[in-house]
Amino acid sequence: MTTYDDELWTTIDRLRDWLDSNNRRPSQEALLLRVLKLSEEVGEVAEAVIGAVGQNPRKGVSHTWQDVESELCDVVVTALVALGTLTPDARGALSAHVAKLAERSLGPA
């Protein structure tokens, strides 16, 4: 039985493979650029939030909270692809890290 979690990681792997097949840079440089891509995506989240609250008087309300949601999803996907580029067990690395965060923040299960 395939779960959503399995489908998510399969899609992340496919996206990473697609990027790899179109990459013309050395692997270390590709990794660095994928990590740096996160900064670009986070900037797009900031732009969407500023646009959703109409903070820029020149532009007014230029985005919706759905735009913010979409940009946040781009950040997550970009981070997962970068993590998958860094380690062959991205799923295990993320699961272990979330467990540590939860225990530190919430206490033992």
PDB file of N, CA and C in Angstrom:
ATOM      1  N   MET A   1       0.836  -1.180   0.000  1.00  0.00           N
ATOM      2  CA  MET A   1       0.000   0.000   0.000  1.00  0.00           C
ATOM      3  C   MET A   1       0.889   1.253   0.000  1.00  0.00           C
ATOM      4  N   THR A   2       0.668   2.116  -0.951  1.00  0.00           N
ATOM      5  CA  THR A   2       1.425   3.354  -1.054  1.00  0.00           C
ATOM      6  C   THR A   2       0.764   4.422  -0.193  1.00  0.00           C
ATOM      7  N   THR A   3       1.588   5.098   0.593  1.00  0.00           N
ATOM      8  CA  THR A   3       1.072   6.165   1.443  1.00  0.00           C
ATOM      9  C   THR A   3       1.419   7.514   0.819  1.00  0.00           C
ATOM     10  N   TYR A   4       0.798   8.565   1.352  1.00  0.00           N
ATOM     11  CA  TYR A   4       1.126   9.911   0.884  1.00  0.00           C
ATOM     12  C   TYR A   4       2.613  10.183   1.091  1.00  0.00           C
ATOM     13  N   ASP A   5       3.143   9.738   2.228  1.00  0.00           N
ATOM     14  CA  ASP A   5       4.563   9.921   2.529  1.00  0.00           C
ATOM     15  C   ASP A   5       5.429   9.288   1.442  1.00  0.00           C
ATOM     16  N   ASP A   6       5.068   8.069   1.011  1.00  0.00           N
ATOM     17  CA  ASP A   6       5.816   7.402  -0.057  1.00  0.00           C
ATOM     18  C   ASP A   6       5.725   8.191  -1.362  1.00  0.00           C
ATOM     19  N   GLU A   7       4.528   8.672  -1.682  1.00  0.00           N
ATOM     20  CA  GLU A   7       4.334   9.447  -2.909  1.00  0.00           C
ATOM     21  C   GLU A   7       5.137  10.743  -2.859  1.00  0.00           C
ATOM     22  N   LEU A   8       5.151  11.390  -1.714  1.00  0.00           N
ATOM     23  CA  LEU A   8       5.909  12.629  -1.563  1.00  0.00           C
ATOM     24  C   LEU A   8       7.383  12.389  -1.846  1.00  0.00           C
ATOM     25  N   TRP A   9       7.964  11.389  -1.184  1.00  0.00           N
ATOM     26  CA  TRP A   9       9.399  11.133  -1.357  1.00  0.00           C
ATOM     27  C   TRP A   9       9.723  10.630  -2.755  1.00  0.00           C
ATOM     28  N   THR A  10       8.817   9.890  -3.367  1.00  0.00           N
ATOM     29  CA  THR A  10       9.022   9.463  -4.755  1.00  0.00           C
ATOM     30  C   THR A  10       9.065  10.677  -5.667  1.00  0.00           C
ATOM     31  N   THR A  11       8.175  11.620  -5.446  1.00  0.00           N
ATOM     32  CA  THR A  11       8.151  12.842  -6.246  1.00  0.00           C
ATOM     33  C   THR A  11       9.408  13.676  -6.010  1.00  0.00           C
ATOM     34  N   ILE A  12       9.829  13.795  -4.751  1.00  0.00           N
ATOM     35  CA  ILE A  12      11.064  14.536  -4.444  1.00  0.00           C
ATOM     36  C   ILE A  12      12.243  13.884  -5.165  1.00  0.00           C
ATOM     37  N   ASP A  13      12.321  12.558  -5.126  1.00  0.00           N
ATOM     38  CA  ASP A  13      13.405  11.842  -5.818  1.00  0.00           C
ATOM     39  C   ASP A  13      13.356  12.086  -7.326  1.00  0.00           C
ATOM     40  N   ARG A  14      12.155  12.092  -7.887  1.00  0.00           N
ATOM     41  CA  ARG A  14      12.014  12.333  -9.323  1.00  0.00           C
ATOM     42  C   ARG A  14      12.448  13.750  -9.683  1.00  0.00           C
ATOM     43  N   LEU A  15      12.075  14.715  -8.844  1.00  0.00           N
ATOM     44  CA  LEU A  15      12.489  16.098  -9.092  1.00  0.00           C
ATOM     45  C   LEU A  15      14.017  16.230  -9.013  1.00  0.00           C
ATOM     46  N   ARG A  16      14.611  15.597  -8.008  1.00  0.00           N
ATOM     47  CA  ARG A  16      16.070  15.634  -7.864  1.00  0.00           C
ATOM     48  C   ARG A  16      16.740  14.970  -9.069  1.00  0.00           C
ATOM     49  N   ASP A  17      16.227  13.822  -9.487  1.00  0.00           N
ATOM     50  CA  ASP A  17      16.777  13.128 -10.655  1.00  0.00           C
ATOM     51  C   ASP A  17      16.662  13.997 -11.912  1.00  0.00           C
ATOM     52  N   TRP A  18      15.540  14.686 -12.059  1.00  0.00           N
ATOM     53  CA  TRP A  18      15.334  15.571 -13.202  1.00  0.00           C
ATOM     54  C   TRP A  18      16.363  16.702 -13.184  1.00  0.00           C
ATOM     55  N   LEU A  19      16.558  17.308 -12.004  1.00  0.00           N
ATOM     56  CA  LEU A  19      17.572  18.357 -11.881  1.00  0.00           C
ATOM     57  C   LEU A  19      18.964  17.804 -12.186  1.00  0.00           C
ATOM     58  N   ASP A  20      19.252  16.616 -11.645  1.00  0.00           N
ATOM     59  CA  ASP A  20      20.562  15.999 -11.893  1.00  0.00           C
ATOM     60  C   ASP A  20      20.798  15.761 -13.381  1.00  0.00           C
ATOM     61  N   SER A  21      19.770  15.312 -14.077  1.00  0.00           N
ATOM     62  CA  SER A  21      19.939  15.003 -15.500  1.00  0.00           C
ATOM     63  C   SER A  21      20.109  16.263 -16.345  1.00  0.00           C
ATOM     64  N   ASN A  22      19.701  17.406 -15.808  1.00  0.00           N
ATOM     65  CA  ASN A  22      19.858  18.671 -16.524  1.00  0.00           C
ATOM     66  C   ASN A  22      20.984  19.527 -15.959  1.00  0.00           C
ATOM     67  N   ASN A  23      21.756  18.961 -15.044  1.00  0.00           N
ATOM     68  CA  ASN A  23      22.840  19.687 -14.400  1.00  0.00           C
ATOM     69  C   ASN A  23      24.120  19.573 -15.221  1.00  0.00           C
ATOM     70  N   ARG A  24      24.772  20.708 -15.407  1.00  0.00           N
ATOM     71  CA  ARG A  24      26.038  20.704 -16.135  1.00  0.00           C
ATOM     72  C   ARG A  24      27.184  21.189 -15.246  1.00  0.00           C
ATOM     73  N   ARG A  25      26.953  21.172 -13.954  1.00  0.00           N
ATOM     74  CA  ARG A  25      27.953  21.654 -13.007  1.00  0.00           C
ATOM     75  C   ARG A  25      28.479  20.472 -12.197  1.00  0.00           C
ATOM     76  N   PRO A  26      29.677  20.605 -11.624  1.00  0.00           N
ATOM     77  CA  PRO A  26      30.186  19.551 -10.734  1.00  0.00           C
ATOM     78  C   PRO A  26      29.201  19.330  -9.574  1.00  0.00           C
ATOM     79  N   SER A  27      29.167  18.120  -9.045  1.00  0.00           N
ATOM     80  CA  SER A  27      28.157  17.764  -8.042  1.00  0.00           C
ATOM     81  C   SER A  27      28.199  18.660  -6.804  1.00  0.00           C
ATOM     82  N   GLN A  28      29.388  19.025  -6.343  1.00  0.00           N
ATOM     83  CA  GLN A  28      29.479  19.889  -5.154  1.00  0.00           C
ATOM     84  C   GLN A  28      28.901  21.270  -5.435  1.00  0.00           C
ATOM     85  N   GLU A  29      29.153  21.778  -6.626  1.00  0.00           N
ATOM     86  CA  GLU A  29      28.609  23.081  -7.003  1.00  0.00           C
ATOM     87  C   GLU A  29      27.090  22.999  -7.132  1.00  0.00           C
ATOM     88  N   ALA A  30      26.593  21.913  -7.698  1.00  0.00           N
ATOM     89  CA  ALA A  30      25.146  21.725  -7.824  1.00  0.00           C
ATOM     90  C   ALA A  30      24.495  21.696  -6.449  1.00  0.00           C
ATOM     91  N   LEU A  31      25.123  21.013  -5.503  1.00  0.00           N
ATOM     92  CA  LEU A  31      24.599  20.972  -4.138  1.00  0.00           C
ATOM     93  C   LEU A  31      24.548  22.371  -3.546  1.00  0.00           C
ATOM     94  N   LEU A  32      25.636  23.118  -3.670  1.00  0.00           N
ATOM     95  CA  LEU A  32      25.668  24.479  -3.135  1.00  0.00           C
ATOM     96  C   LEU A  32      24.582  25.351  -3.756  1.00  0.00           C
ATOM     97  N   LEU A  33      24.387  25.219  -5.048  1.00  0.00           N
ATOM     98  CA  LEU A  33      23.362  26.023  -5.719  1.00  0.00           C
ATOM     99  C   LEU A  33      21.959  25.622  -5.275  1.00  0.00           C
ATOM    100  N   ARG A  34      21.749  24.342  -5.008  1.00  0.00           N
ATOM    101  CA  ARG A  34      20.428  23.907  -4.514  1.00  0.00           C
ATOM    102  C   ARG A  34      20.164  24.443  -3.122  1.00  0.00           C
ATOM    103  N   VAL A  35      21.196  24.497  -2.305  1.00  0.00           N
ATOM    104  CA  VAL A  35      21.035  25.072  -0.962  1.00  0.00           C
ATOM    105  C   VAL A  35      20.771  26.577  -1.087  1.00  0.00           C
ATOM    106  N   LEU A  36      21.512  27.255  -1.946  1.00  0.00           N
ATOM    107  CA  LEU A  36      21.303  28.685  -2.145  1.00  0.00           C
ATOM    108  C   LEU A  36      19.917  28.987  -2.713  1.00  0.00           C
ATOM    109  N   LYS A  37      19.375  28.088  -3.487  1.00  0.00           N
ATOM    110  CA  LYS A  37      18.027  28.257  -4.047  1.00  0.00           C
ATOM    111  C   LYS A  37      17.004  28.482  -2.942  1.00  0.00           C
ATOM    112  N   LEU A  38      17.284  27.933  -1.759  1.00  0.00           N
ATOM    113  CA  LEU A  38      16.377  28.155  -0.621  1.00  0.00           C
ATOM    114  C   LEU A  38      16.246  29.637  -0.297  1.00  0.00           C
ATOM    115  N   SER A  39      17.337  30.382  -0.364  1.00  0.00           N
ATOM    116  CA  SER A  39      17.286  31.817  -0.088  1.00  0.00           C
ATOM    117  C   SER A  39      16.362  32.526  -1.070  1.00  0.00           C
ATOM    118  N   GLU A  40      16.454  32.137  -2.320  1.00  0.00           N
ATOM    119  CA  GLU A  40      15.567  32.724  -3.333  1.00  0.00           C
ATOM    120  C   GLU A  40      14.105  32.433  -2.998  1.00  0.00           C
ATOM    121  N   GLU A  41      13.831  31.185  -2.657  1.00  0.00           N
ATOM    122  CA  GLU A  41      12.450  30.798  -2.361  1.00  0.00           C
ATOM    123  C   GLU A  41      11.917  31.500  -1.104  1.00  0.00           C
ATOM    124  N   VAL A  42      12.763  31.632  -0.076  1.00  0.00           N
ATOM    125  CA  VAL A  42      12.339  32.327   1.143  1.00  0.00           C
ATOM    126  C   VAL A  42      12.066  33.799   0.826  1.00  0.00           C
ATOM    127  N   GLY A  43      12.864  34.389  -0.052  1.00  0.00           N
ATOM    128  CA  GLY A  43      12.612  35.758  -0.485  1.00  0.00           C
ATOM    129  C   GLY A  43      11.253  35.897  -1.153  1.00  0.00           C
ATOM    130  N   GLU A  44      10.852  34.884  -1.894  1.00  0.00           N
ATOM    131  CA  GLU A  44       9.537  34.902  -2.540  1.00  0.00           C
ATOM    132  C   GLU A  44       8.421  34.802  -1.508  1.00  0.00           C
ATOM    133  N   VAL A  45       8.659  34.081  -0.411  1.00  0.00           N
ATOM    134  CA  VAL A  45       7.679  34.044   0.679  1.00  0.00           C
ATOM    135  C   VAL A  45       7.534  35.448   1.262  1.00  0.00           C
ATOM    136  N   ALA A  46       8.662  36.088   1.529  1.00  0.00           N
ATOM    137  CA  ALA A  46       8.631  37.448   2.091  1.00  0.00           C
ATOM    138  C   ALA A  46       7.891  38.399   1.154  1.00  0.00           C
ATOM    139  N   GLU A  47       8.181  38.316  -0.134  1.00  0.00           N
ATOM    140  CA  GLU A  47       7.501  39.166  -1.111  1.00  0.00           C
ATOM    141  C   GLU A  47       5.991  38.929  -1.086  1.00  0.00           C
ATOM    142  N   ALA A  48       5.587  37.674  -0.990  1.00  0.00           N
ATOM    143  CA  ALA A  48       4.161  37.347  -0.970  1.00  0.00           C
ATOM    144  C   ALA A  48       3.488  37.861   0.306  1.00  0.00           C
ATOM    145  N   VAL A  49       4.161  37.743   1.455  1.00  0.00           N
ATOM    146  CA  VAL A  49       3.587  38.251   2.707  1.00  0.00           C
ATOM    147  C   VAL A  49       3.430  39.767   2.626  1.00  0.00           C
ATOM    148  N   ILE A  50       4.475  40.449   2.153  1.00  0.00           N
ATOM    149  CA  ILE A  50       4.408  41.905   2.011  1.00  0.00           C
ATOM    150  C   ILE A  50       3.264  42.285   1.068  1.00  0.00           C
ATOM    151  N   GLY A  51       3.127  41.522  -0.004  1.00  0.00           N
ATOM    152  CA  GLY A  51       2.033  41.773  -0.947  1.00  0.00           C
ATOM    153  C   GLY A  51       0.661  41.441  -0.379  1.00  0.00           C
ATOM    154  N   ALA A  52       0.577  40.428   0.466  1.00  0.00           N
ATOM    155  CA  ALA A  52      -0.716  40.032   1.038  1.00  0.00           C
ATOM    156  C   ALA A  52      -1.231  41.057   2.045  1.00  0.00           C
ATOM    157  N   VAL A  53      -0.313  41.735   2.727  1.00  0.00           N
ATOM    158  CA  VAL A  53      -0.737  42.757   3.704  1.00  0.00           C
ATOM    159  C   VAL A  53      -0.705  44.158   3.111  1.00  0.00           C
ATOM    160  N   GLY A  54      -0.285  44.286   1.856  1.00  0.00           N
ATOM    161  CA  GLY A  54      -0.261  45.577   1.190  1.00  0.00           C
ATOM    162  C   GLY A  54       0.770  46.534   1.748  1.00  0.00           C
ATOM    163  N   GLN A  55       1.887  46.008   2.219  1.00  0.00           N
ATOM    164  CA  GLN A  55       2.913  46.825   2.866  1.00  0.00           C
ATOM    165  C   GLN A  55       3.620  47.769   1.897  1.00  0.00           C
ATOM    166  N   ASN A  56       3.741  47.390   0.633  1.00  0.00           N
ATOM    167  CA  ASN A  56       4.412  48.234  -0.353  1.00  0.00           C
ATOM    168  C   ASN A  56       3.387  49.217  -0.935  1.00  0.00           C
ATOM    169  N   PRO A  57       3.503  50.519  -0.614  1.00  0.00           N
ATOM    170  CA  PRO A  57       2.501  51.479  -1.070  1.00  0.00           C
ATOM    171  C   PRO A  57       2.434  51.599  -2.599  1.00  0.00           C
ATOM    172  N   ARG A  58       3.525  51.313  -3.262  1.00  0.00           N
ATOM    173  CA  ARG A  58       3.525  51.381  -4.725  1.00  0.00           C
ATOM    174  C   ARG A  58       2.703  50.258  -5.347  1.00  0.00           C
ATOM    175  N   LYS A  59       2.728  49.088  -4.710  1.00  0.00           N
ATOM    176  CA  LYS A  59       2.038  47.916  -5.272  1.00  0.00           C
ATOM    177  C   LYS A  59       0.694  47.649  -4.612  1.00  0.00           C
ATOM    178  N   GLY A  60       0.518  48.075  -3.354  1.00  0.00           N
ATOM    179  CA  GLY A  60      -0.717  47.763  -2.637  1.00  0.00           C
ATOM    180  C   GLY A  60      -0.807  46.270  -2.366  1.00  0.00           C
ATOM    181  N   VAL A  61      -2.012  45.774  -2.303  1.00  0.00           N
ATOM    182  CA  VAL A  61      -2.219  44.339  -2.082  1.00  0.00           C
ATOM    183  C   VAL A  61      -2.002  43.639  -3.426  1.00  0.00           C
ATOM    184  N   SER A  62      -0.886  42.950  -3.519  1.00  0.00           N
ATOM    185  CA  SER A  62      -0.494  42.328  -4.786  1.00  0.00           C
ATOM    186  C   SER A  62      -0.474  40.802  -4.720  1.00  0.00           C
ATOM    187  N   HIS A  63      -0.660  40.237  -3.517  1.00  0.00           N
ATOM    188  CA  HIS A  63      -0.638  38.794  -3.325  1.00  0.00           C
ATOM    189  C   HIS A  63      -1.771  38.396  -2.380  1.00  0.00           C
ATOM    190  N   THR A  64      -2.035  37.115  -2.352  1.00  0.00           N
ATOM    191  CA  THR A  64      -3.031  36.568  -1.418  1.00  0.00           C
ATOM    192  C   THR A  64      -2.322  35.656  -0.425  1.00  0.00           C
ATOM    193  N   TRP A  65      -3.051  35.265   0.616  1.00  0.00           N
ATOM    194  CA  TRP A  65      -2.463  34.306   1.558  1.00  0.00           C
ATOM    195  C   TRP A  65      -2.298  32.945   0.905  1.00  0.00           C
ATOM    196  N   GLN A  66      -3.069  32.672  -0.145  1.00  0.00           N
ATOM    197  CA  GLN A  66      -2.839  31.442  -0.906  1.00  0.00           C
ATOM    198  C   GLN A  66      -1.501  31.505  -1.642  1.00  0.00           C
ATOM    199  N   ASP A  67      -1.110  32.702  -2.093  1.00  0.00           N
ATOM    200  CA  ASP A  67       0.217  32.866  -2.695  1.00  0.00           C
ATOM    201  C   ASP A  67       1.298  32.569  -1.665  1.00  0.00           C
ATOM    202  N   VAL A  68       1.106  33.044  -0.432  1.00  0.00           N
ATOM    203  CA  VAL A  68       2.069  32.769   0.637  1.00  0.00           C
ATOM    204  C   VAL A  68       2.164  31.262   0.866  1.00  0.00           C
ATOM    205  N   GLU A  69       1.014  30.604   0.926  1.00  0.00           N
ATOM    206  CA  GLU A  69       0.982  29.147   1.104  1.00  0.00           C
ATOM    207  C   GLU A  69       1.764  28.450   0.001  1.00  0.00           C
ATOM    208  N   SER A  70       1.544  28.862  -1.224  1.00  0.00           N
ATOM    209  CA  SER A  70       2.239  28.254  -2.360  1.00  0.00           C
ATOM    210  C   SER A  70       3.749  28.469  -2.270  1.00  0.00           C
ATOM    211  N   GLU A  71       4.144  29.670  -1.897  1.00  0.00           N
ATOM    212  CA  GLU A  71       5.576  29.962  -1.773  1.00  0.00           C
ATOM    213  C   GLU A  71       6.207  29.159  -0.634  1.00  0.00           C
ATOM    214  N   LEU A  72       5.480  28.990   0.468  1.00  0.00           N
ATOM    215  CA  LEU A  72       5.992  28.157   1.561  1.00  0.00           C
ATOM    216  C   LEU A  72       6.175  26.714   1.098  1.00  0.00           C
ATOM    217  N   CYS A  73       5.250  26.221   0.297  1.00  0.00           N
ATOM    218  CA  CYS A  73       5.390  24.865  -0.248  1.00  0.00           C
ATOM    219  C   CYS A  73       6.626  24.772  -1.135  1.00  0.00           C
ATOM    220  N   ASP A  74       6.894  25.829  -1.916  1.00  0.00           N
ATOM    221  CA  ASP A  74       8.110  25.834  -2.740  1.00  0.00           C
ATOM    222  C   ASP A  74       9.361  25.739  -1.870  1.00  0.00           C
ATOM    223  N   VAL A  75       9.347  26.431  -0.723  1.00  0.00           N
ATOM    224  CA  VAL A  75      10.487  26.359   0.199  1.00  0.00           C
ATOM    225  C   VAL A  75      10.681  24.926   0.688  1.00  0.00           C
ATOM    226  N   VAL A  76       9.586  24.287   1.088  1.00  0.00           N
ATOM    227  CA  VAL A  76       9.667  22.917   1.612  1.00  0.00           C
ATOM    228  C   VAL A  76      10.197  21.966   0.542  1.00  0.00           C
ATOM    229  N   VAL A  77       9.655  22.039  -0.659  1.00  0.00           N
ATOM    230  CA  VAL A  77      10.094  21.147  -1.729  1.00  0.00           C
ATOM    231  C   VAL A  77      11.561  21.400  -2.069  1.00  0.00           C
ATOM    232  N   THR A  78      11.943  22.668  -2.155  1.00  0.00           N
ATOM    233  CA  THR A  78      13.333  23.013  -2.454  1.00  0.00           C
ATOM    234  C   THR A  78      14.266  22.468  -1.376  1.00  0.00           C
ATOM    235  N   ALA A  79      13.847  22.581  -0.117  1.00  0.00           N
ATOM    236  CA  ALA A  79      14.666  22.057   0.987  1.00  0.00           C
ATOM    237  C   ALA A  79      14.769  20.535   0.913  1.00  0.00           C
ATOM    238  N   LEU A  80      13.680  19.865   0.610  1.00  0.00           N
ATOM    239  CA  LEU A  80      13.715  18.402   0.533  1.00  0.00           C
ATOM    240  C   LEU A  80      14.581  17.929  -0.632  1.00  0.00           C
ATOM    241  N   VAL A  81      14.527  18.632  -1.755  1.00  0.00           N
ATOM    242  CA  VAL A  81      15.390  18.270  -2.884  1.00  0.00           C
ATOM    243  C   VAL A  81      16.852  18.491  -2.503  1.00  0.00           C
ATOM    244  N   ALA A  82      17.148  19.608  -1.845  1.00  0.00           N
ATOM    245  CA  ALA A  82      18.528  19.862  -1.411  1.00  0.00           C
ATOM    246  C   ALA A  82      18.980  18.806  -0.411  1.00  0.00           C
ATOM    247  N   LEU A  83      18.108  18.446   0.527  1.00  0.00           N
ATOM    248  CA  LEU A  83      18.448  17.409   1.506  1.00  0.00           C
ATOM    249  C   LEU A  83      18.711  16.089   0.801  1.00  0.00           C
ATOM    250  N   GLY A  84      17.886  15.761  -0.183  1.00  0.00           N
ATOM    251  CA  GLY A  84      18.085  14.533  -0.949  1.00  0.00           C
ATOM    252  C   GLY A  84      19.350  14.548  -1.777  1.00  0.00           C
ATOM    253  N   THR A  85      19.822  15.730  -2.136  1.00  0.00           N
ATOM    254  CA  THR A  85      21.082  15.857  -2.851  1.00  0.00           C
ATOM    255  C   THR A  85      22.254  15.653  -1.898  1.00  0.00           C
ATOM    256  N   LEU A  86      22.084  16.091  -0.664  1.00  0.00           N
ATOM    257  CA  LEU A  86      23.134  16.004   0.339  1.00  0.00           C
ATOM    258  C   LEU A  86      23.306  14.595   0.892  1.00  0.00           C
ATOM    259  N   THR A  87      22.201  13.905   1.103  1.00  0.00           N
ATOM    260  CA  THR A  87      22.260  12.580   1.730  1.00  0.00           C
ATOM    261  C   THR A  87      21.360  11.596   0.985  1.00  0.00           C
ATOM    262  N   PRO A  88      21.802  10.358   0.827  1.00  0.00           N
ATOM    263  CA  PRO A  88      20.960   9.367   0.155  1.00  0.00           C
ATOM    264  C   PRO A  88      19.751   8.956   0.998  1.00  0.00           C
ATOM    265  N   ASP A  89      19.775   9.234   2.303  1.00  0.00           N
ATOM    266  CA  ASP A  89      18.646   8.883   3.165  1.00  0.00           C
ATOM    267  C   ASP A  89      17.981  10.151   3.710  1.00  0.00           C
ATOM    268  N   ALA A  90      17.474  10.973   2.800  1.00  0.00           N
ATOM    269  CA  ALA A  90      16.839  12.225   3.200  1.00  0.00           C
ATOM    270  C   ALA A  90      15.635  11.963   4.107  1.00  0.00           C
ATOM    271  N   ARG A  91      14.861  10.948   3.788  1.00  0.00           N
ATOM    272  CA  ARG A  91      13.683  10.624   4.602  1.00  0.00           C
ATOM    273  C   ARG A  91      14.105  10.293   6.031  1.00  0.00           C
ATOM    274  N   GLY A  92      15.112   9.457   6.187  1.00  0.00           N
ATOM    275  CA  GLY A  92      15.588   9.088   7.518  1.00  0.00           C
ATOM    276  C   GLY A  92      16.180  10.277   8.256  1.00  0.00           C
ATOM    277  N   ALA A  93      16.940  11.117   7.537  1.00  0.00           N
ATOM    278  CA  ALA A  93      17.525  12.299   8.166  1.00  0.00           C
ATOM    279  C   ALA A  93      16.447  13.242   8.662  1.00  0.00           C
ATOM    280  N   LEU A  94      15.423  13.464   7.853  1.00  0.00           N
ATOM    281  CA  LEU A  94      14.332  14.356   8.263  1.00  0.00           C
ATOM    282  C   LEU A  94      13.555  13.770   9.434  1.00  0.00           C
ATOM    283  N   SER A  95      13.234  12.489   9.362  1.00  0.00           N
ATOM    284  CA  SER A  95      12.483  11.842  10.449  1.00  0.00           C
ATOM    285  C   SER A  95      13.242  11.914  11.769  1.00  0.00           C
ATOM    286  N   ALA A  96      14.534  11.628  11.725  1.00  0.00           N
ATOM    287  CA  ALA A  96      15.340  11.675  12.948  1.00  0.00           C
ATOM    288  C   ALA A  96      15.412  13.092  13.500  1.00  0.00           C
ATOM    289  N   HIS A  97      15.542  14.057  12.625  1.00  0.00           N
ATOM    290  CA  HIS A  97      15.645  15.446  13.070  1.00  0.00           C
ATOM    291  C   HIS A  97      14.323  15.936  13.674  1.00  0.00           C
ATOM    292  N   VAL A  98      13.216  15.594  13.040  1.00  0.00           N
ATOM    293  CA  VAL A  98      11.904  15.987  13.577  1.00  0.00           C
ATOM    294  C   VAL A  98      11.677  15.334  14.935  1.00  0.00           C
ATOM    295  N   ALA A  99      12.093  14.080  15.091  1.00  0.00           N
ATOM    296  CA  ALA A  99      11.954  13.391  16.381  1.00  0.00           C
ATOM    297  C   ALA A  99      12.758  14.109  17.465  1.00  0.00           C
ATOM    298  N   LYS A 100      13.996  14.529  17.130  1.00  0.00           N
ATOM    299  CA  LYS A 100      14.811  15.266  18.105  1.00  0.00           C
ATOM    300  C   LYS A 100      14.179  16.602  18.462  1.00  0.00           C
ATOM    301  N   LEU A 101      13.671  17.312  17.453  1.00  0.00           N
ATOM    302  CA  LEU A 101      13.005  18.587  17.715  1.00  0.00           C
ATOM    303  C   LEU A 101      11.782  18.406  18.606  1.00  0.00           C
ATOM    304  N   ALA A 102      11.007  17.385  18.301  1.00  0.00           N
ATOM    305  CA  ALA A 102       9.791  17.129  19.081  1.00  0.00           C
ATOM    306  C   ALA A 102      10.134  16.785  20.533  1.00  0.00           C
ATOM    307  N   GLU A 103      11.139  15.947  20.721  1.00  0.00           N
ATOM    308  CA  GLU A 103      11.507  15.577  22.092  1.00  0.00           C
ATOM    309  C   GLU A 103      12.040  16.786  22.857  1.00  0.00           C
ATOM    310  N   ARG A 104      12.849  17.583  22.184  1.00  0.00           N
ATOM    311  CA  ARG A 104      13.404  18.773  22.835  1.00  0.00           C
ATOM    312  C   ARG A 104      12.304  19.782  23.172  1.00  0.00           C
ATOM    313  N   SER A 105      11.345  19.935  22.311  1.00  0.00           N
ATOM    314  CA  SER A 105      10.293  20.936  22.503  1.00  0.00           C
ATOM    315  C   SER A 105       9.113  20.424  23.311  1.00  0.00           C
ATOM    316  N   LEU A 106       8.744  19.166  23.092  1.00  0.00           N
ATOM    317  CA  LEU A 106       7.525  18.623  23.688  1.00  0.00           C
ATOM    318  C   LEU A 106       7.777  17.642  24.815  1.00  0.00           C
ATOM    319  N   GLY A 107       9.019  17.219  24.955  1.00  0.00           N
ATOM    320  CA  GLY A 107       9.341  16.206  25.969  1.00  0.00           C
ATOM    321  C   GLY A 107       9.171  14.816  25.378  1.00  0.00           C
ATOM    322  N   PRO A 108       9.489  13.807  26.188  1.00  0.00           N
ATOM    323  CA  PRO A 108       9.361  12.425  25.693  1.00  0.00           C
ATOM    324  C   PRO A 108       7.930  12.106  25.291  1.00  0.00           C
ATOM    325  N   ALA A 109       7.820  11.252  24.277  1.00  0.00           N
ATOM    326  CA  ALA A 109       6.488  10.876  23.769  1.00  0.00           C
ATOM    327  C   ALA A 109       5.705  10.085  24.800  1.00  0.00           C
TER     328      ALA A 109
END
